[in-house]
Amino acid sequence: VIASVDTTLTVIVLPQVTISQLPLTAYVQEDVTLTCQSNSFPVSTYNWSRVDGAALPGGATFFVGYELIIPVAVSSDAGEYQCRADNGYGTDTGTYLLTLHERTTP
């Protein structure tokens, strides 16, 4: 008698953060979007913070968990931002350097 056994293999993929456009330069009074992604399994959750420990800018929101949107940026929003991806099996971080410039008019 030949018996068969069903098994399930689950492959765990640790987070590896991908940050686009480094460093990021934008203008004050513009909306700024910082994006952080990883191809982990299970899917990662994302947390954003400022490297200097300051609070995130007022009005900043998360979109789909991996984007940090800073509406109508002001000069004090410039600095380093860190994204942390965690899927319960591992973590990874990525850092943005955000530089903001005043727009000059001719």
N, C-alpha and C. Protein backbone atom coordinates (compact mmCIF):
# COMPACT_ATOMS: atom_id res chain seq x y z
N VAL A 1 0.86 -1.17 0.00
CA VAL A 1 0.00 0.00 0.00
C VAL A 1 0.90 1.23 0.00
N ILE A 2 0.63 2.11 -0.91
CA ILE A 2 1.38 3.37 -0.99
C ILE A 2 0.52 4.47 -0.39
N ALA A 3 1.10 5.18 0.55
CA ALA A 3 0.37 6.28 1.21
C ALA A 3 0.97 7.60 0.76
N SER A 4 0.15 8.61 0.71
CA SER A 4 0.66 9.94 0.37
C SER A 4 0.39 10.87 1.54
N VAL A 5 1.28 11.83 1.67
CA VAL A 5 1.16 12.81 2.75
C VAL A 5 1.22 14.19 2.13
N ASP A 6 0.26 15.03 2.45
CA ASP A 6 0.29 16.41 1.99
C ASP A 6 1.07 17.24 2.99
N THR A 7 1.98 18.04 2.49
CA THR A 7 2.73 18.95 3.35
C THR A 7 2.73 20.33 2.73
N THR A 8 2.94 21.30 3.57
CA THR A 8 3.02 22.68 3.11
C THR A 8 4.38 23.23 3.48
N LEU A 9 5.03 23.83 2.52
CA LEU A 9 6.33 24.46 2.75
C LEU A 9 6.12 25.97 2.70
N THR A 10 6.45 26.65 3.77
CA THR A 10 6.35 28.10 3.81
C THR A 10 7.75 28.68 3.80
N VAL A 11 8.03 29.50 2.82
CA VAL A 11 9.34 30.13 2.70
C VAL A 11 9.26 31.52 3.32
N ILE A 12 10.11 31.76 4.28
CA ILE A 12 10.18 33.06 4.95
C ILE A 12 11.21 33.92 4.22
N VAL A 13 10.82 35.13 3.87
CA VAL A 13 11.74 36.07 3.23
C VAL A 13 11.89 37.25 4.17
N LEU A 14 13.11 37.47 4.66
CA LEU A 14 13.36 38.56 5.59
C LEU A 14 13.27 39.90 4.87
N PRO A 15 12.87 40.95 5.59
CA PRO A 15 12.77 42.27 4.96
C PRO A 15 14.14 42.77 4.47
N GLN A 16 14.14 43.37 3.33
CA GLN A 16 15.30 44.08 2.81
C GLN A 16 14.76 45.38 2.24
N VAL A 17 14.98 46.46 2.97
CA VAL A 17 14.38 47.76 2.63
C VAL A 17 14.99 48.31 1.35
N THR A 18 14.11 48.82 0.50
CA THR A 18 14.52 49.52 -0.71
C THR A 18 14.06 50.96 -0.59
N ILE A 19 15.00 51.87 -0.70
CA ILE A 19 14.72 53.31 -0.63
C ILE A 19 15.05 53.88 -2.01
N SER A 20 14.15 54.70 -2.52
CA SER A 20 14.42 55.29 -3.84
C SER A 20 14.82 56.75 -3.69
N GLN A 21 15.56 57.22 -4.64
CA GLN A 21 15.95 58.62 -4.76
C GLN A 21 16.65 59.16 -3.52
N LEU A 22 17.92 58.81 -3.36
CA LEU A 22 18.72 59.30 -2.25
C LEU A 22 19.81 60.21 -2.76
N PRO A 23 20.11 61.32 -2.16
CA PRO A 23 19.26 62.01 -1.20
C PRO A 23 18.06 62.64 -1.91
N LEU A 24 17.07 63.00 -1.14
CA LEU A 24 15.86 63.58 -1.70
C LEU A 24 15.89 65.09 -1.50
N THR A 25 15.72 65.83 -2.59
CA THR A 25 15.69 67.29 -2.52
C THR A 25 14.32 67.75 -3.00
N ALA A 26 13.71 68.64 -2.22
CA ALA A 26 12.39 69.17 -2.55
C ALA A 26 12.35 70.64 -2.17
N TYR A 27 11.22 71.26 -2.38
CA TYR A 27 11.05 72.67 -2.05
C TYR A 27 10.04 72.84 -0.93
N VAL A 28 10.26 73.87 -0.11
CA VAL A 28 9.28 74.17 0.93
C VAL A 28 7.96 74.51 0.27
N GLN A 29 6.89 74.29 0.98
CA GLN A 29 5.52 74.50 0.52
C GLN A 29 5.06 73.45 -0.50
N GLU A 30 5.86 72.40 -0.71
CA GLU A 30 5.46 71.29 -1.57
C GLU A 30 5.15 70.08 -0.69
N ASP A 31 4.31 69.18 -1.20
CA ASP A 31 4.11 67.90 -0.54
C ASP A 31 5.32 67.02 -0.85
N VAL A 32 5.79 66.29 0.16
CA VAL A 32 6.95 65.41 0.00
C VAL A 32 6.51 63.99 0.35
N THR A 33 6.88 63.02 -0.50
CA THR A 33 6.55 61.62 -0.24
C THR A 33 7.84 60.81 -0.15
N LEU A 34 8.02 60.14 0.98
CA LEU A 34 9.14 59.24 1.19
C LEU A 34 8.60 57.81 1.07
N THR A 35 9.27 56.98 0.28
CA THR A 35 8.79 55.63 0.02
C THR A 35 9.81 54.60 0.50
N CYS A 36 9.30 53.59 1.17
CA CYS A 36 10.13 52.53 1.74
C CYS A 36 9.42 51.21 1.48
N GLN A 37 10.07 50.28 0.80
CA GLN A 37 9.43 49.00 0.51
C GLN A 37 10.39 47.85 0.75
N SER A 38 9.83 46.69 0.98
CA SER A 38 10.62 45.46 1.03
C SER A 38 9.77 44.33 0.47
N ASN A 39 10.44 43.35 -0.11
CA ASN A 39 9.72 42.19 -0.67
C ASN A 39 9.80 41.04 0.31
N SER A 40 9.27 41.24 1.50
CA SER A 40 9.36 40.22 2.54
C SER A 40 8.12 39.34 2.55
N PHE A 41 8.27 38.16 3.16
CA PHE A 41 7.13 37.29 3.42
C PHE A 41 7.33 36.67 4.78
N PRO A 42 6.35 36.80 5.66
CA PRO A 42 5.11 37.55 5.49
C PRO A 42 5.38 39.03 5.25
N VAL A 43 4.36 39.72 4.80
CA VAL A 43 4.46 41.14 4.47
C VAL A 43 4.89 41.93 5.70
N SER A 44 5.75 42.91 5.49
CA SER A 44 6.26 43.74 6.59
C SER A 44 5.27 44.83 6.99
N THR A 45 5.39 45.25 8.23
CA THR A 45 4.77 46.49 8.67
C THR A 45 5.89 47.52 8.71
N TYR A 46 5.53 48.79 8.52
CA TYR A 46 6.53 49.85 8.41
C TYR A 46 6.30 50.90 9.48
N ASN A 47 7.41 51.39 10.01
CA ASN A 47 7.37 52.50 10.97
C ASN A 47 8.36 53.56 10.52
N TRP A 48 7.94 54.81 10.64
CA TRP A 48 8.78 55.94 10.26
C TRP A 48 9.16 56.74 11.50
N SER A 49 10.38 57.26 11.50
CA SER A 49 10.82 58.14 12.59
C SER A 49 11.87 59.09 12.04
N ARG A 50 12.14 60.13 12.81
CA ARG A 50 13.25 61.03 12.47
C ARG A 50 14.47 60.54 13.21
N VAL A 51 15.61 60.54 12.55
CA VAL A 51 16.85 60.05 13.14
C VAL A 51 17.24 60.88 14.35
N ASP A 52 16.95 62.18 14.31
CA ASP A 52 17.32 63.06 15.43
C ASP A 52 16.37 62.95 16.62
N GLY A 53 15.36 62.08 16.52
CA GLY A 53 14.43 61.87 17.63
C GLY A 53 13.28 62.85 17.68
N ALA A 54 13.28 63.85 16.81
CA ALA A 54 12.19 64.83 16.78
C ALA A 54 10.91 64.15 16.29
N ALA A 55 9.79 64.75 16.63
CA ALA A 55 8.50 64.22 16.17
C ALA A 55 8.39 64.35 14.65
N LEU A 56 7.61 63.46 14.06
CA LEU A 56 7.34 63.58 12.62
C LEU A 56 6.60 64.89 12.38
N PRO A 57 6.75 65.46 11.20
CA PRO A 57 6.09 66.74 10.91
C PRO A 57 4.58 66.68 11.13
N GLY A 58 4.02 67.77 11.60
CA GLY A 58 2.58 67.85 11.79
C GLY A 58 1.86 67.60 10.48
N GLY A 59 0.82 66.80 10.53
CA GLY A 59 0.06 66.49 9.33
C GLY A 59 0.63 65.35 8.52
N ALA A 60 1.80 64.82 8.89
CA ALA A 60 2.39 63.71 8.14
C ALA A 60 1.47 62.49 8.26
N THR A 61 1.30 61.79 7.16
CA THR A 61 0.43 60.62 7.14
C THR A 61 1.16 59.45 6.48
N PHE A 62 0.67 58.25 6.77
CA PHE A 62 1.20 57.05 6.14
C PHE A 62 0.21 56.61 5.09
N PHE A 63 0.72 56.24 3.91
CA PHE A 63 -0.13 55.75 2.84
C PHE A 63 0.29 54.32 2.53
N VAL A 64 -0.63 53.40 2.61
CA VAL A 64 -0.39 51.99 2.39
C VAL A 64 0.75 51.50 3.29
N GLY A 65 1.00 52.19 4.39
CA GLY A 65 1.98 51.75 5.36
C GLY A 65 3.42 52.06 5.03
N TYR A 66 3.78 52.07 3.75
CA TYR A 66 5.18 52.22 3.41
C TYR A 66 5.55 53.60 2.88
N GLU A 67 4.60 54.49 2.72
CA GLU A 67 4.90 55.85 2.28
C GLU A 67 4.63 56.83 3.41
N LEU A 68 5.54 57.76 3.60
CA LEU A 68 5.34 58.84 4.55
C LEU A 68 5.11 60.10 3.72
N ILE A 69 3.97 60.73 3.90
CA ILE A 69 3.63 61.93 3.13
C ILE A 69 3.67 63.13 4.07
N ILE A 70 4.51 64.10 3.72
CA ILE A 70 4.62 65.33 4.48
C ILE A 70 3.95 66.42 3.65
N PRO A 71 2.77 66.87 4.08
CA PRO A 71 2.07 67.89 3.29
C PRO A 71 2.65 69.28 3.54
N VAL A 72 2.78 70.04 2.50
CA VAL A 72 3.23 71.44 2.56
C VAL A 72 4.45 71.56 3.49
N ALA A 73 5.55 70.97 3.05
CA ALA A 73 6.77 70.92 3.86
C ALA A 73 7.26 72.32 4.23
N VAL A 74 7.81 72.42 5.43
CA VAL A 74 8.46 73.65 5.90
C VAL A 74 9.92 73.33 6.14
N SER A 75 10.76 74.35 6.22
CA SER A 75 12.20 74.14 6.30
C SER A 75 12.62 73.26 7.48
N SER A 76 11.88 73.31 8.59
CA SER A 76 12.23 72.49 9.75
C SER A 76 11.95 71.00 9.52
N ASP A 77 11.27 70.64 8.42
CA ASP A 77 11.02 69.24 8.10
C ASP A 77 12.25 68.58 7.48
N ALA A 78 13.25 69.37 7.09
CA ALA A 78 14.48 68.82 6.51
C ALA A 78 15.19 67.96 7.56
N GLY A 79 15.89 66.94 7.10
CA GLY A 79 16.66 66.09 8.01
C GLY A 79 16.62 64.65 7.57
N GLU A 80 17.07 63.76 8.47
CA GLU A 80 17.11 62.34 8.17
C GLU A 80 15.87 61.64 8.72
N TYR A 81 15.27 60.81 7.88
CA TYR A 81 14.10 60.02 8.23
C TYR A 81 14.46 58.56 8.08
N GLN A 82 14.01 57.74 9.02
CA GLN A 82 14.31 56.32 8.98
C GLN A 82 13.03 55.51 8.85
N CYS A 83 13.07 54.56 7.95
CA CYS A 83 11.98 53.61 7.77
C CYS A 83 12.45 52.27 8.33
N ARG A 84 11.58 51.62 9.09
CA ARG A 84 11.89 50.31 9.65
C ARG A 84 10.83 49.32 9.19
N ALA A 85 11.27 48.26 8.52
CA ALA A 85 10.37 47.19 8.06
C ALA A 85 10.54 45.99 8.98
N ASP A 86 9.41 45.42 9.41
CA ASP A 86 9.44 44.28 10.33
C ASP A 86 8.35 43.29 9.91
N ASN A 87 8.74 42.05 9.67
CA ASN A 87 7.73 41.05 9.31
C ASN A 87 7.60 39.95 10.37
N GLY A 88 8.11 40.20 11.56
CA GLY A 88 8.01 39.22 12.63
C GLY A 88 9.14 38.21 12.64
N TYR A 89 9.88 38.11 11.55
CA TYR A 89 11.01 37.19 11.46
C TYR A 89 12.33 37.94 11.34
N GLY A 90 12.23 39.21 10.99
CA GLY A 90 13.43 40.02 10.84
C GLY A 90 13.05 41.47 10.60
N THR A 91 14.03 42.33 10.70
CA THR A 91 13.83 43.76 10.46
C THR A 91 14.95 44.28 9.58
N ASP A 92 14.67 45.39 8.94
CA ASP A 92 15.69 46.11 8.17
C ASP A 92 15.29 47.58 8.20
N THR A 93 16.26 48.45 8.04
CA THR A 93 15.99 49.88 8.05
C THR A 93 16.63 50.54 6.84
N GLY A 94 16.07 51.67 6.49
CA GLY A 94 16.62 52.51 5.43
C GLY A 94 16.48 53.96 5.87
N THR A 95 17.38 54.81 5.41
CA THR A 95 17.38 56.21 5.84
C THR A 95 17.34 57.14 4.65
N TYR A 96 16.48 58.14 4.73
CA TYR A 96 16.39 59.22 3.75
C TYR A 96 17.06 60.45 4.32
N LEU A 97 17.76 61.18 3.48
CA LEU A 97 18.22 62.52 3.83
C LEU A 97 17.37 63.47 3.00
N LEU A 98 16.51 64.23 3.67
CA LEU A 98 15.61 65.16 3.00
C LEU A 98 16.18 66.57 3.12
N THR A 99 16.45 67.17 1.97
CA THR A 99 16.92 68.55 1.90
C THR A 99 15.80 69.40 1.29
N LEU A 100 15.50 70.51 1.94
CA LEU A 100 14.45 71.41 1.44
C LEU A 100 15.04 72.76 1.08
N HIS A 101 14.63 73.28 -0.07
CA HIS A 101 15.12 74.56 -0.55
C HIS A 101 13.96 75.54 -0.67
N GLU A 102 14.28 76.80 -0.46
CA GLU A 102 13.29 77.85 -0.72
C GLU A 102 13.22 78.05 -2.23
N ARG A 103 12.05 78.22 -2.74
CA ARG A 103 11.88 78.47 -4.17
C ARG A 103 12.17 79.94 -4.43
N THR A 104 13.03 80.19 -5.39
CA THR A 104 13.33 81.58 -5.74
C THR A 104 12.52 81.99 -6.95
N THR A 105 12.07 83.22 -6.95
CA THR A 105 11.32 83.73 -8.09
C THR A 105 12.14 84.82 -8.77
N PRO A 106 12.15 84.80 -10.07
CA PRO A 106 12.96 85.81 -10.80
C PRO A 106 12.38 87.20 -10.68
